[in-house]
Amino acid sequence: MYGLIGKMRAARGQRDAVMDVLRASTGALPGCLSYIIARDPADADAIWVTEVWTDAESHKASLQLPEVQAAIAKARPFIAGFEFQVETHPVGGFGLADGNAG
């Protein structure tokens, strides 16, 4: 499995708008096992995104999907930046199959 955890910053007062676009565009993405969007309780403009994919290739391919490209274009005016992103290798947990195979 392939994972990403990232923190993005919405333009001041636009966090809900960004999260609405993310929620609307993260339905059935091929290879996506989990896509969690969370508010940062200590920062009114920060958004945390935690993703689990079957593999890195599935994540990369998702960025080319027309619906994902449209969501990026729609959210871009409301995003101030990306603070950081880290790759992980999930091994399982509640809601995920055992990932020992990769």
Protein backbone atom coordinates (compact mmCIF):
# COMPACT_ATOMS: atom_id res chain seq x y z
CA MET A 1 0.00 0.00 0.00
CA TYR A 2 0.99 3.61 -0.58
CA GLY A 3 0.02 6.48 1.70
CA LEU A 4 0.24 10.24 1.79
CA ILE A 5 -0.36 12.64 4.65
CA GLY A 6 -0.43 16.30 3.75
CA LYS A 7 -1.30 19.67 5.17
CA MET A 8 -2.71 22.35 2.92
CA ARG A 9 -3.55 25.92 3.71
CA ALA A 10 -6.75 27.50 2.44
CA ALA A 11 -6.95 31.20 1.73
CA ARG A 12 -8.21 33.00 4.84
CA GLY A 13 -11.81 32.04 5.47
CA GLN A 14 -11.99 29.59 2.56
CA ARG A 15 -11.29 26.29 4.34
CA ASP A 16 -14.88 25.06 4.03
CA ALA A 17 -14.92 25.87 0.31
CA VAL A 18 -11.77 23.82 -0.27
CA MET A 19 -13.07 20.93 1.82
CA ASP A 20 -16.37 20.98 -0.09
CA VAL A 21 -14.50 20.59 -3.39
CA LEU A 22 -12.33 17.80 -1.95
CA ARG A 23 -15.34 15.92 -0.60
CA ALA A 24 -17.25 16.24 -3.87
CA SER A 25 -14.34 14.96 -5.95
CA THR A 26 -13.11 12.00 -3.93
CA GLY A 27 -15.76 9.43 -4.63
CA ALA A 28 -14.72 6.30 -6.50
CA LEU A 29 -11.09 6.83 -7.44
CA PRO A 30 -9.50 3.66 -8.87
CA GLY A 31 -6.99 2.29 -6.38
CA CYS A 32 -7.97 4.64 -3.56
CA LEU A 33 -8.64 2.72 -0.35
CA SER A 34 -9.09 5.72 1.94
CA TYR A 35 -9.20 9.50 1.55
CA ILE A 36 -9.75 11.40 4.78
CA ILE A 37 -10.16 15.19 4.91
CA ALA A 38 -9.82 16.81 8.34
CA ARG A 39 -9.96 20.27 9.89
CA ASP A 40 -7.02 21.36 12.00
CA PRO A 41 -8.55 22.35 15.35
CA ALA A 42 -5.71 24.79 16.11
CA ASP A 43 -5.60 26.54 12.71
CA ALA A 44 -8.74 27.88 11.01
CA ASP A 45 -7.17 27.76 7.55
CA ALA A 46 -5.40 24.38 7.66
CA ILE A 47 -6.65 21.11 6.15
CA TRP A 48 -5.10 17.67 6.67
CA VAL A 49 -5.54 15.00 4.01
CA THR A 50 -4.67 11.37 4.71
CA GLU A 51 -4.72 9.03 1.71
CA VAL A 52 -4.20 5.29 1.28
CA TRP A 53 -3.80 3.82 -2.20
CA THR A 54 -3.15 0.33 -3.48
CA ASP A 55 0.11 1.65 -4.95
CA ALA A 56 1.87 4.88 -5.94
CA GLU A 57 0.94 4.37 -9.59
CA SER A 58 -2.78 4.49 -8.76
CA HIS A 59 -2.30 7.80 -6.97
CA LYS A 60 -0.29 9.24 -9.85
CA ALA A 61 -2.90 8.07 -12.40
CA SER A 62 -5.72 9.64 -10.37
CA LEU A 63 -4.20 13.08 -10.87
CA GLN A 64 -4.88 12.75 -14.61
CA LEU A 65 -8.58 11.88 -14.28
CA PRO A 66 -10.86 14.57 -15.76
CA GLU A 67 -12.90 14.85 -12.55
CA VAL A 68 -9.76 15.31 -10.46
CA GLN A 69 -8.38 17.90 -12.89
CA ALA A 70 -11.70 19.78 -12.70
CA ALA A 71 -11.63 19.68 -8.89
CA ILE A 72 -8.08 21.03 -8.82
CA ALA A 73 -9.09 23.91 -11.10
CA LYS A 74 -12.17 24.64 -8.98
CA ALA A 75 -10.27 24.61 -5.65
CA ARG A 76 -7.13 26.42 -6.83
CA PRO A 77 -8.46 29.97 -6.18
CA PHE A 78 -9.20 29.01 -2.56
CA ILE A 79 -5.84 27.33 -1.78
CA ALA A 80 -3.07 29.45 -0.29
CA GLY A 81 -0.47 26.68 -0.41
CA PHE A 82 0.74 23.29 0.69
CA GLU A 83 2.82 23.12 3.85
CA PHE A 84 4.15 19.60 3.48
CA GLN A 85 3.42 16.09 2.32
CA VAL A 86 4.93 12.83 3.52
CA GLU A 87 4.79 9.39 1.95
CA THR A 88 3.93 6.40 4.10
CA HIS A 89 3.60 2.66 3.61
CA PRO A 90 0.39 1.67 5.44
CA VAL A 91 0.34 -1.87 6.80
CA GLY A 92 -3.31 -2.06 7.80
CA GLY A 93 -5.62 -0.92 10.54
CA PHE A 94 -9.31 -0.47 11.06
CA GLY A 95 -10.92 -0.20 7.62
CA LEU A 96 -7.87 -1.43 5.70
CA ALA A 97 -6.84 -4.90 4.67
CA ASP A 98 -3.53 -6.26 5.93
CA GLY A 99 -0.82 -4.62 3.82
CA ASN A 100 2.08 -6.97 4.51
CA ALA A 101 2.27 -7.89 0.81
CA GLY A 102 3.93 -4.59 -0.12
